[in-house]
């Protein structure tokens, strides 16, 4: 089906955001998509903070964005905005790195006071980067994400249902967008 880049903008190695994304990655994989996980915290700080566009990790990230049909962007919300780590990466990508992409924005946070961060902080940036289609995102409260001693993730039932719905909408939008170019290529091959 489609190639999905799943980007975690959390600076924490034990992040609920990253764990939630990897949980959702499995759902996308089960639906037939190839998922490439990217934890921005693994990109060397000197490349991000030094704005080193030629650093191999930045070049690789830009190539993953270019290759992807769809992008899932997950971030914890700090002070009513997406993470600075995510901003550092987005700032180093080409201006229109999301051109033609279907994008699913997701956020996690400690209070519902931050629920609008997706629409007022993250969505405008994604749109300015040329995203073809930004599907409705979802904000998940930290308290709805539980990590067991064995590392297993449990999402509270109401949030789990909502997340499944937005991921399925994203998957459907991806399938629709990738089917059109494939149909056009098949038609061109028959005509030629």
N, C-alpha and C. Protein backbone atom coordinates (compact mmCIF):
# COMPACT_ATOMS: atom_id res chain seq x y z
N UNK A 1 0.83 -1.18 0.00
CA UNK A 1 0.00 0.00 0.00
C UNK A 1 0.88 1.25 0.00
N UNK A 2 0.98 1.94 1.13
CA UNK A 2 1.70 3.21 1.20
C UNK A 2 2.87 3.10 2.17
N UNK A 3 3.81 4.02 1.99
CA UNK A 3 4.93 4.14 2.93
C UNK A 3 4.60 5.28 3.88
N UNK A 4 4.69 5.00 5.18
CA UNK A 4 4.36 5.98 6.22
C UNK A 4 5.59 6.25 7.07
N UNK A 5 5.93 7.53 7.21
CA UNK A 5 6.98 7.94 8.13
C UNK A 5 6.30 8.33 9.43
N UNK A 6 6.66 7.67 10.53
CA UNK A 6 6.05 7.91 11.82
C UNK A 6 7.06 8.62 12.71
N UNK A 7 6.83 9.93 12.93
CA UNK A 7 7.82 10.80 13.57
C UNK A 7 7.40 11.13 15.00
N UNK A 8 8.28 10.78 15.95
CA UNK A 8 8.06 11.16 17.34
C UNK A 8 8.93 12.35 17.66
N UNK A 9 8.30 13.44 18.08
CA UNK A 9 9.03 14.65 18.45
C UNK A 9 9.32 14.75 19.93
N UNK A 10 9.25 13.65 20.65
CA UNK A 10 9.51 13.69 22.09
C UNK A 10 11.00 13.58 22.39
N UNK A 11 11.50 14.38 23.31
CA UNK A 11 12.91 14.28 23.70
C UNK A 11 13.21 13.15 24.68
N UNK A 12 12.18 12.49 25.19
CA UNK A 12 12.36 11.48 26.23
C UNK A 12 12.48 10.06 25.67
N UNK A 13 13.43 9.31 26.21
CA UNK A 13 13.61 7.92 25.80
C UNK A 13 12.46 7.04 26.30
N UNK A 14 11.78 7.47 27.35
CA UNK A 14 10.67 6.69 27.90
C UNK A 14 9.34 7.39 27.62
N UNK A 15 9.28 8.08 26.54
CA UNK A 15 8.15 8.91 26.17
C UNK A 15 6.87 8.13 25.93
N UNK A 16 5.78 8.63 26.49
CA UNK A 16 4.46 8.07 26.17
C UNK A 16 4.12 8.35 24.71
N UNK A 17 4.54 9.51 24.22
CA UNK A 17 4.26 9.88 22.83
C UNK A 17 4.88 8.87 21.88
N UNK A 18 6.17 8.58 22.06
CA UNK A 18 6.86 7.63 21.18
C UNK A 18 6.24 6.24 21.30
N UNK A 19 5.94 5.82 22.51
CA UNK A 19 5.32 4.49 22.69
C UNK A 19 3.95 4.42 22.03
N UNK A 20 3.19 5.51 22.14
CA UNK A 20 1.87 5.54 21.50
C UNK A 20 2.02 5.46 19.98
N UNK A 21 2.99 6.18 19.43
CA UNK A 21 3.21 6.12 17.98
C UNK A 21 3.59 4.71 17.54
N UNK A 22 4.49 4.07 18.26
CA UNK A 22 4.90 2.71 17.87
C UNK A 22 3.72 1.76 17.97
N UNK A 23 2.83 1.99 18.93
CA UNK A 23 1.59 1.20 19.07
C UNK A 23 0.71 1.40 17.83
N UNK A 24 0.56 2.65 17.40
CA UNK A 24 -0.25 2.95 16.22
C UNK A 24 0.42 2.48 14.93
N UNK A 25 1.76 2.47 14.93
CA UNK A 25 2.50 1.94 13.77
C UNK A 25 2.08 0.50 13.48
N UNK A 26 1.90 -0.27 14.54
CA UNK A 26 1.50 -1.68 14.36
C UNK A 26 0.14 -1.78 13.68
N UNK A 27 -0.76 -0.88 14.00
CA UNK A 27 -2.08 -0.87 13.36
C UNK A 27 -1.93 -0.55 11.87
N UNK A 28 -1.09 0.43 11.55
CA UNK A 28 -0.87 0.79 10.15
C UNK A 28 -0.20 -0.35 9.39
N UNK A 29 0.76 -1.02 10.03
CA UNK A 29 1.43 -2.16 9.40
C UNK A 29 0.43 -3.28 9.13
N UNK A 30 -0.46 -3.53 10.09
CA UNK A 30 -1.48 -4.57 9.92
C UNK A 30 -2.43 -4.23 8.77
N UNK A 31 -2.55 -2.95 8.45
CA UNK A 31 -3.41 -2.53 7.34
C UNK A 31 -2.66 -2.55 6.01
N UNK A 32 -1.41 -3.02 6.04
CA UNK A 32 -0.66 -3.20 4.80
C UNK A 32 0.33 -2.11 4.46
N UNK A 33 0.49 -1.12 5.32
CA UNK A 33 1.42 -0.04 5.04
C UNK A 33 2.83 -0.38 5.52
N UNK A 34 3.81 0.14 4.83
CA UNK A 34 5.20 0.05 5.31
C UNK A 34 5.40 1.26 6.22
N UNK A 35 5.84 1.03 7.45
CA UNK A 35 6.02 2.12 8.41
C UNK A 35 7.50 2.26 8.75
N UNK A 36 7.98 3.49 8.64
CA UNK A 36 9.36 3.82 9.00
C UNK A 36 9.29 4.70 10.25
N UNK A 37 9.76 4.19 11.40
CA UNK A 37 9.72 5.01 12.62
C UNK A 37 10.93 5.96 12.68
N UNK A 38 10.69 7.18 13.12
CA UNK A 38 11.76 8.15 13.32
C UNK A 38 11.55 8.83 14.66
N UNK A 39 12.45 8.56 15.58
CA UNK A 39 12.44 9.24 16.87
C UNK A 39 13.45 10.38 16.75
N UNK A 40 12.95 11.62 16.71
CA UNK A 40 13.82 12.77 16.49
C UNK A 40 14.90 12.86 17.55
N UNK A 41 14.64 12.37 18.75
CA UNK A 41 15.64 12.42 19.82
C UNK A 41 16.91 11.65 19.47
N UNK A 42 16.85 10.75 18.47
CA UNK A 42 18.04 9.99 18.07
C UNK A 42 18.90 10.75 17.05
N UNK A 43 18.38 11.85 16.53
CA UNK A 43 19.17 12.68 15.61
C UNK A 43 20.18 13.45 16.46
N UNK A 44 21.46 13.44 16.08
CA UNK A 44 22.47 14.12 16.90
C UNK A 44 22.13 15.59 17.17
N UNK A 45 22.28 15.97 18.43
CA UNK A 45 21.96 17.34 18.85
C UNK A 45 22.77 18.37 18.07
N UNK A 46 24.03 18.06 17.80
CA UNK A 46 24.86 19.04 17.08
C UNK A 46 24.32 19.31 15.68
N UNK A 47 23.69 18.32 15.07
CA UNK A 47 23.10 18.52 13.74
C UNK A 47 21.85 19.39 13.84
N UNK A 48 21.00 19.12 14.83
CA UNK A 48 19.77 19.88 14.99
C UNK A 48 20.05 21.31 15.46
N UNK A 49 20.83 21.45 16.52
CA UNK A 49 21.06 22.77 17.10
C UNK A 49 22.02 23.62 16.27
N UNK A 50 22.90 22.95 15.53
CA UNK A 50 23.83 23.66 14.67
C UNK A 50 23.28 23.90 13.27
N UNK A 51 22.04 23.50 13.04
CA UNK A 51 21.39 23.66 11.73
C UNK A 51 22.29 23.15 10.61
N UNK A 52 22.79 21.93 10.81
CA UNK A 52 23.71 21.33 9.83
C UNK A 52 22.89 20.55 8.80
N UNK A 53 22.50 21.24 7.74
CA UNK A 53 21.66 20.64 6.70
C UNK A 53 22.35 19.47 6.01
N UNK A 54 23.68 19.44 6.04
CA UNK A 54 24.43 18.38 5.34
C UNK A 54 24.79 17.21 6.25
N UNK A 55 24.44 17.27 7.52
CA UNK A 55 24.72 16.17 8.43
C UNK A 55 24.01 14.92 7.91
N UNK A 56 24.67 13.77 7.90
CA UNK A 56 24.06 12.54 7.37
C UNK A 56 22.68 12.22 7.99
N UNK A 57 22.50 12.51 9.27
CA UNK A 57 21.21 12.21 9.91
C UNK A 57 20.11 13.14 9.38
N UNK A 58 20.44 14.37 9.10
CA UNK A 58 19.46 15.32 8.55
C UNK A 58 19.15 14.95 7.10
N UNK A 59 20.19 14.61 6.35
CA UNK A 59 20.00 14.19 4.95
C UNK A 59 19.11 12.94 4.91
N UNK A 60 19.37 11.99 5.80
CA UNK A 60 18.56 10.76 5.85
C UNK A 60 17.11 11.08 6.20
N UNK A 61 16.90 11.95 7.18
CA UNK A 61 15.54 12.32 7.57
C UNK A 61 14.81 12.97 6.40
N UNK A 62 15.49 13.87 5.70
CA UNK A 62 14.86 14.53 4.54
C UNK A 62 14.50 13.50 3.46
N UNK A 63 15.36 12.50 3.28
CA UNK A 63 15.06 11.44 2.29
C UNK A 63 13.87 10.61 2.72
N UNK A 64 13.75 10.33 4.03
CA UNK A 64 12.59 9.57 4.51
C UNK A 64 11.31 10.35 4.29
N UNK A 65 11.34 11.65 4.55
CA UNK A 65 10.16 12.49 4.29
C UNK A 65 9.82 12.46 2.81
N UNK A 66 10.82 12.57 1.96
CA UNK A 66 10.58 12.58 0.53
C UNK A 66 9.98 11.26 0.05
N UNK A 67 10.47 10.16 0.60
CA UNK A 67 10.03 8.81 0.18
C UNK A 67 8.61 8.49 0.64
N UNK A 68 8.20 9.06 1.76
CA UNK A 68 6.92 8.71 2.38
C UNK A 68 5.72 9.21 1.58
N UNK A 69 4.67 8.39 1.57
CA UNK A 69 3.38 8.80 1.01
C UNK A 69 2.59 9.56 2.08
N UNK A 70 2.79 9.13 3.32
CA UNK A 70 2.09 9.75 4.45
C UNK A 70 3.03 9.92 5.62
N UNK A 71 2.69 10.87 6.48
CA UNK A 71 3.52 11.15 7.66
C UNK A 71 2.62 11.27 8.88
N UNK A 72 2.99 10.54 9.93
CA UNK A 72 2.35 10.70 11.22
C UNK A 72 3.31 11.52 12.06
N UNK A 73 2.84 12.63 12.59
CA UNK A 73 3.67 13.50 13.42
C UNK A 73 3.11 13.45 14.82
N UNK A 74 3.89 12.95 15.77
CA UNK A 74 3.47 12.87 17.16
C UNK A 74 4.36 13.73 18.03
N UNK A 75 3.75 14.47 18.94
CA UNK A 75 4.52 15.35 19.80
C UNK A 75 3.87 15.48 21.18
N UNK A 76 4.69 15.59 22.20
CA UNK A 76 4.13 16.02 23.47
C UNK A 76 3.88 17.52 23.37
N UNK A 77 2.94 18.02 24.14
CA UNK A 77 2.66 19.45 24.15
C UNK A 77 3.32 20.07 25.37
N UNK A 78 4.13 21.08 25.10
CA UNK A 78 4.79 21.85 26.15
C UNK A 78 4.39 23.31 25.98
N UNK A 79 3.86 23.92 27.02
CA UNK A 79 3.48 25.33 26.98
C UNK A 79 2.62 25.65 25.75
N UNK A 80 1.64 24.81 25.51
CA UNK A 80 0.64 24.99 24.45
C UNK A 80 1.20 24.91 23.03
N UNK A 81 2.34 24.26 22.86
CA UNK A 81 2.92 24.13 21.53
C UNK A 81 3.60 22.76 21.40
N UNK A 82 3.90 22.41 20.16
CA UNK A 82 4.61 21.16 19.92
C UNK A 82 6.06 21.30 20.40
N UNK A 83 6.76 20.17 20.51
CA UNK A 83 8.08 20.18 21.13
C UNK A 83 9.11 20.96 20.32
N UNK A 84 10.05 21.55 21.02
CA UNK A 84 11.16 22.27 20.37
C UNK A 84 12.01 21.33 19.54
N UNK A 85 12.13 20.09 19.99
CA UNK A 85 12.90 19.09 19.25
C UNK A 85 12.28 18.86 17.88
N UNK A 86 10.95 18.73 17.83
CA UNK A 86 10.27 18.55 16.55
C UNK A 86 10.46 19.80 15.69
N UNK A 87 10.34 20.97 16.30
CA UNK A 87 10.54 22.22 15.55
C UNK A 87 11.93 22.28 14.95
N UNK A 88 12.94 21.86 15.71
CA UNK A 88 14.31 21.89 15.20
C UNK A 88 14.44 21.04 13.94
N UNK A 89 13.81 19.86 13.93
CA UNK A 89 13.87 19.02 12.74
C UNK A 89 13.09 19.63 11.58
N UNK A 90 11.87 20.05 11.84
CA UNK A 90 11.05 20.62 10.77
C UNK A 90 11.72 21.83 10.14
N UNK A 91 12.42 22.62 10.95
CA UNK A 91 13.13 23.79 10.43
C UNK A 91 14.26 23.42 9.47
N UNK A 92 14.80 22.22 9.60
CA UNK A 92 15.92 21.80 8.76
C UNK A 92 15.49 21.07 7.49
N UNK A 93 14.22 20.75 7.39
CA UNK A 93 13.72 20.08 6.19
C UNK A 93 13.49 21.10 5.08
N UNK A 94 13.46 20.64 3.84
CA UNK A 94 13.13 21.56 2.75
C UNK A 94 11.77 22.22 3.02
N UNK A 95 11.61 23.45 2.54
CA UNK A 95 10.39 24.23 2.78
C UNK A 95 9.12 23.43 2.48
N UNK A 96 9.12 22.67 1.39
CA UNK A 96 7.92 21.94 0.99
C UNK A 96 8.11 20.43 1.13
N UNK A 97 8.68 20.02 2.24
CA UNK A 97 8.96 18.61 2.49
C UNK A 97 7.70 17.75 2.57
N UNK A 98 6.56 18.36 2.79
CA UNK A 98 5.31 17.59 2.92
C UNK A 98 4.44 17.68 1.67
N UNK A 99 4.96 18.24 0.60
CA UNK A 99 4.18 18.37 -0.63
C UNK A 99 3.69 17.00 -1.10
N UNK A 100 2.39 16.92 -1.34
CA UNK A 100 1.79 15.69 -1.82
C UNK A 100 1.56 14.64 -0.74
N UNK A 101 1.88 14.94 0.50
CA UNK A 101 1.76 13.96 1.58
C UNK A 101 0.42 14.07 2.30
N UNK A 102 -0.04 12.95 2.79
CA UNK A 102 -1.16 12.91 3.72
C UNK A 102 -0.54 12.88 5.11
N UNK A 103 -1.04 13.73 6.01
CA UNK A 103 -0.41 13.89 7.32
C UNK A 103 -1.43 13.69 8.43
N UNK A 104 -1.01 12.95 9.46
CA UNK A 104 -1.82 12.75 10.66
C UNK A 104 -1.09 13.37 11.85
N UNK A 105 -1.59 14.49 12.40
CA UNK A 105 -0.97 15.08 13.59
C UNK A 105 -1.56 14.48 14.87
N UNK A 106 -0.68 14.11 15.78
CA UNK A 106 -1.09 13.57 17.08
C UNK A 106 -0.32 14.29 18.18
N UNK A 107 -0.96 14.45 19.32
CA UNK A 107 -0.28 15.10 20.45
C UNK A 107 -0.69 14.42 21.74
N UNK A 108 0.20 14.53 22.72
CA UNK A 108 -0.07 14.04 24.06
C UNK A 108 0.21 15.18 25.04
N UNK A 109 -0.47 15.15 26.17
CA UNK A 109 -0.24 16.19 27.16
C UNK A 109 -0.95 15.90 28.45
N UNK A 110 -0.62 16.69 29.45
CA UNK A 110 -1.14 16.45 30.79
C UNK A 110 -2.50 17.03 31.07
N UNK A 111 -2.97 17.95 30.23
CA UNK A 111 -4.24 18.61 30.50
C UNK A 111 -4.99 18.93 29.21
N UNK A 112 -6.30 18.93 29.30
CA UNK A 112 -7.11 19.25 28.13
C UNK A 112 -6.96 20.72 27.73
N UNK A 113 -6.31 21.52 28.55
CA UNK A 113 -6.06 22.92 28.19
C UNK A 113 -5.18 23.01 26.95
N UNK A 114 -4.47 21.93 26.63
CA UNK A 114 -3.56 21.93 25.48
C UNK A 114 -4.15 21.26 24.24
N UNK A 115 -5.41 20.91 24.28
CA UNK A 115 -6.01 20.14 23.18
C UNK A 115 -5.96 20.88 21.84
N UNK A 116 -5.98 22.19 21.86
CA UNK A 116 -5.98 22.96 20.62
C UNK A 116 -4.59 23.16 20.03
N UNK A 117 -3.56 22.65 20.69
CA UNK A 117 -2.19 22.80 20.18
C UNK A 117 -2.04 22.21 18.79
N UNK A 118 -2.76 21.14 18.51
CA UNK A 118 -2.68 20.55 17.17
C UNK A 118 -3.16 21.55 16.12
N UNK A 119 -4.33 22.13 16.36
CA UNK A 119 -4.92 23.01 15.35
C UNK A 119 -4.26 24.39 15.29
N UNK A 120 -3.81 24.92 16.42
CA UNK A 120 -3.28 26.28 16.43
C UNK A 120 -1.76 26.38 16.38
N UNK A 121 -1.06 25.31 16.71
CA UNK A 121 0.40 25.36 16.67
C UNK A 121 0.97 24.45 15.58
N UNK A 122 0.53 23.20 15.53
CA UNK A 122 1.14 22.23 14.62
C UNK A 122 0.56 22.27 13.21
N UNK A 123 -0.73 22.29 13.08
CA UNK A 123 -1.37 22.24 11.75
C UNK A 123 -0.90 23.36 10.82
N UNK A 124 -0.77 24.61 11.28
CA UNK A 124 -0.30 25.67 10.37
C UNK A 124 1.11 25.40 9.81
N UNK A 125 1.98 24.83 10.63
CA UNK A 125 3.34 24.52 10.16
C UNK A 125 3.29 23.41 9.11
N UNK A 126 2.51 22.38 9.38
CA UNK A 126 2.39 21.27 8.43
C UNK A 126 1.80 21.76 7.11
N UNK A 127 0.83 22.63 7.21
CA UNK A 127 0.22 23.20 6.00
C UNK A 127 1.23 24.04 5.23
N UNK A 128 2.02 24.83 5.93
CA UNK A 128 3.01 25.69 5.26
C UNK A 128 4.09 24.87 4.57
N UNK A 129 4.25 23.62 4.99
CA UNK A 129 5.24 22.74 4.38
C UNK A 129 4.65 21.98 3.19
N UNK A 130 3.44 22.33 2.78
CA UNK A 130 2.87 21.80 1.56
C UNK A 130 2.06 20.53 1.67
N UNK A 131 1.68 20.12 2.89
CA UNK A 131 0.91 18.89 3.03
C UNK A 131 -0.32 18.93 2.13
N UNK A 132 -0.53 17.86 1.38
CA UNK A 132 -1.67 17.78 0.47
C UNK A 132 -2.98 17.61 1.24
N UNK A 133 -2.91 16.83 2.32
CA UNK A 133 -4.12 16.54 3.09
C UNK A 133 -3.70 16.29 4.54
N UNK A 134 -4.20 17.11 5.44
CA UNK A 134 -3.97 16.90 6.86
C UNK A 134 -5.28 16.39 7.44
N UNK A 135 -5.28 15.12 7.81
CA UNK A 135 -6.50 14.52 8.36
C UNK A 135 -6.71 15.01 9.78
N UNK A 136 -7.92 14.88 10.30
CA UNK A 136 -8.14 15.28 11.69
C UNK A 136 -7.19 14.54 12.63
N UNK A 137 -6.56 15.29 13.51
CA UNK A 137 -5.62 14.70 14.45
C UNK A 137 -6.31 14.32 15.75
N UNK A 138 -5.48 13.97 16.73
CA UNK A 138 -6.04 13.59 18.02
C UNK A 138 -5.07 13.95 19.13
N UNK A 139 -5.63 14.44 20.23
CA UNK A 139 -4.87 14.76 21.44
C UNK A 139 -5.22 13.71 22.49
N UNK A 140 -4.20 13.08 23.05
CA UNK A 140 -4.41 12.05 24.07
C UNK A 140 -3.81 12.52 25.39
N UNK A 141 -4.60 12.44 26.44
CA UNK A 141 -4.11 12.80 27.77
C UNK A 141 -3.10 11.77 28.25
N UNK A 142 -2.06 12.24 28.89
CA UNK A 142 -1.04 11.35 29.45
C UNK A 142 -1.66 10.29 30.34
N UNK A 143 -2.67 10.68 31.12
CA UNK A 143 -3.28 9.73 32.06
C UNK A 143 -3.99 8.58 31.35
N UNK A 144 -4.27 8.74 30.05
CA UNK A 144 -4.93 7.70 29.28
C UNK A 144 -3.95 6.71 28.65
N UNK A 145 -2.65 6.95 28.87
CA UNK A 145 -1.61 6.08 28.33
C UNK A 145 -0.85 5.47 29.50
N UNK A 146 -0.92 4.16 29.61
CA UNK A 146 -0.26 3.45 30.70
C UNK A 146 0.77 2.48 30.12
N UNK A 147 1.96 2.50 30.71
CA UNK A 147 3.01 1.59 30.28
C UNK A 147 3.26 0.62 31.42
N UNK A 148 3.10 -0.68 31.11
CA UNK A 148 3.30 -1.71 32.11
C UNK A 148 4.77 -1.94 32.40
N UNK A 149 5.05 -2.68 33.45
CA UNK A 149 6.43 -2.99 33.84
C UNK A 149 7.17 -3.73 32.73
N UNK A 150 6.43 -4.47 31.91
CA UNK A 150 7.05 -5.21 30.80
C UNK A 150 7.13 -4.37 29.52
N UNK A 151 6.73 -3.08 29.60
CA UNK A 151 6.81 -2.20 28.44
C UNK A 151 5.57 -2.17 27.58
N UNK A 152 4.58 -2.99 27.91
CA UNK A 152 3.36 -3.00 27.10
C UNK A 152 2.57 -1.71 27.33
N UNK A 153 1.94 -1.27 26.28
CA UNK A 153 1.19 -0.02 26.33
C UNK A 153 -0.30 -0.32 26.38
N UNK A 154 -1.00 0.38 27.25
CA UNK A 154 -2.44 0.29 27.33
C UNK A 154 -3.00 1.70 27.19
N UNK A 155 -3.98 1.85 26.32
CA UNK A 155 -4.64 3.14 26.13
C UNK A 155 -6.06 3.01 26.67
N UNK A 156 -6.49 4.00 27.44
CA UNK A 156 -7.84 3.98 28.01
C UNK A 156 -8.86 3.78 26.89
N UNK A 157 -9.94 3.03 27.15
CA UNK A 157 -10.89 2.66 26.11
C UNK A 157 -11.39 3.81 25.23
N UNK A 158 -11.83 4.91 25.81
CA UNK A 158 -12.34 6.02 25.00
C UNK A 158 -11.28 6.59 24.07
N UNK A 159 -10.08 6.76 24.58
CA UNK A 159 -8.98 7.27 23.76
C UNK A 159 -8.56 6.24 22.72
N UNK A 160 -8.55 4.98 23.10
CA UNK A 160 -8.16 3.92 22.16
C UNK A 160 -9.11 3.89 20.96
N UNK A 161 -10.39 4.03 21.23
CA UNK A 161 -11.38 4.03 20.14
C UNK A 161 -11.19 5.23 19.23
N UNK A 162 -10.99 6.40 19.82
CA UNK A 162 -10.79 7.62 19.03
C UNK A 162 -9.51 7.52 18.20
N UNK A 163 -8.44 7.02 18.80
CA UNK A 163 -7.18 6.87 18.06
C UNK A 163 -7.33 5.88 16.91
N UNK A 164 -8.01 4.78 17.16
CA UNK A 164 -8.24 3.80 16.09
C UNK A 164 -8.99 4.45 14.94
N UNK A 165 -9.96 5.28 15.27
CA UNK A 165 -10.75 5.94 14.22
C UNK A 165 -9.89 6.91 13.41
N UNK A 166 -9.06 7.74 14.06
CA UNK A 166 -8.26 8.70 13.29
C UNK A 166 -7.18 7.99 12.48
N UNK A 167 -6.63 6.91 13.03
CA UNK A 167 -5.63 6.14 12.28
C UNK A 167 -6.28 5.48 11.07
N UNK A 168 -7.47 4.95 11.25
CA UNK A 168 -8.18 4.33 10.12
C UNK A 168 -8.54 5.37 9.06
N UNK A 169 -8.93 6.58 9.47
CA UNK A 169 -9.22 7.66 8.51
C UNK A 169 -7.95 8.02 7.74
N UNK A 170 -6.84 8.11 8.44
CA UNK A 170 -5.54 8.39 7.81
C UNK A 170 -5.20 7.29 6.81
N UNK A 171 -5.36 6.04 7.22
CA UNK A 171 -5.07 4.91 6.35
C UNK A 171 -5.95 4.94 5.10
N UNK A 172 -7.22 5.25 5.28
CA UNK A 172 -8.14 5.32 4.15
C UNK A 172 -7.74 6.46 3.21
N UNK A 173 -7.39 7.61 3.78
CA UNK A 173 -6.98 8.75 2.96
C UNK A 173 -5.70 8.41 2.19
N UNK A 174 -4.79 7.71 2.84
CA UNK A 174 -3.55 7.27 2.18
C UNK A 174 -3.86 6.33 1.02
N UNK A 175 -4.72 5.36 1.28
CA UNK A 175 -5.07 4.38 0.25
C UNK A 175 -5.72 5.08 -0.95
N UNK A 176 -6.57 6.05 -0.68
CA UNK A 176 -7.22 6.79 -1.76
C UNK A 176 -6.22 7.59 -2.57
N UNK A 177 -5.29 8.25 -1.90
CA UNK A 177 -4.31 9.10 -2.58
C UNK A 177 -3.29 8.27 -3.36
N UNK A 178 -2.87 7.13 -2.82
CA UNK A 178 -1.87 6.32 -3.51
C UNK A 178 -2.51 5.49 -4.62
N UNK A 179 -3.81 5.23 -4.53
CA UNK A 179 -4.49 4.47 -5.58
C UNK A 179 -4.63 5.30 -6.86
N UNK A 180 -4.81 6.61 -6.74
CA UNK A 180 -4.96 7.47 -7.91
C UNK A 180 -3.73 7.46 -8.80
N UNK A 181 -2.50 7.71 -8.27
CA UNK A 181 -1.33 7.66 -9.15
C UNK A 181 -1.09 6.26 -9.72
N UNK A 182 -1.38 5.22 -8.95
CA UNK A 182 -1.19 3.85 -9.45
C UNK A 182 -2.15 3.58 -10.60
N UNK A 183 -3.39 4.04 -10.47
CA UNK A 183 -4.37 3.86 -11.54
C UNK A 183 -3.95 4.64 -12.78
N UNK A 184 -3.42 5.85 -12.59
CA UNK A 184 -2.97 6.66 -13.73
C UNK A 184 -1.79 5.99 -14.44
N UNK A 185 -0.86 5.41 -13.66
CA UNK A 185 0.28 4.70 -14.26
C UNK A 185 -0.20 3.49 -15.05
N UNK A 186 -1.16 2.74 -14.50
CA UNK A 186 -1.69 1.56 -15.17
C UNK A 186 -2.40 1.97 -16.46
N UNK A 187 -3.15 3.06 -16.41
CA UNK A 187 -3.85 3.55 -17.60
C UNK A 187 -2.83 3.98 -18.67
N UNK A 188 -1.78 4.67 -18.26
CA UNK A 188 -0.74 5.12 -19.20
C UNK A 188 -0.04 3.92 -19.85
N UNK A 189 0.17 2.88 -19.07
CA UNK A 189 0.84 1.68 -19.60
C UNK A 189 -0.05 0.99 -20.64
N UNK A 190 -1.36 0.98 -20.38
CA UNK A 190 -2.28 0.35 -21.34
C UNK A 190 -2.38 1.15 -22.63
N UNK A 191 -2.34 2.47 -22.51
CA UNK A 191 -2.46 3.34 -23.68
C UNK A 191 -1.19 3.28 -24.54
N UNK A 192 -0.05 3.18 -23.88
CA UNK A 192 1.23 3.16 -24.61
C UNK A 192 1.45 1.87 -25.29
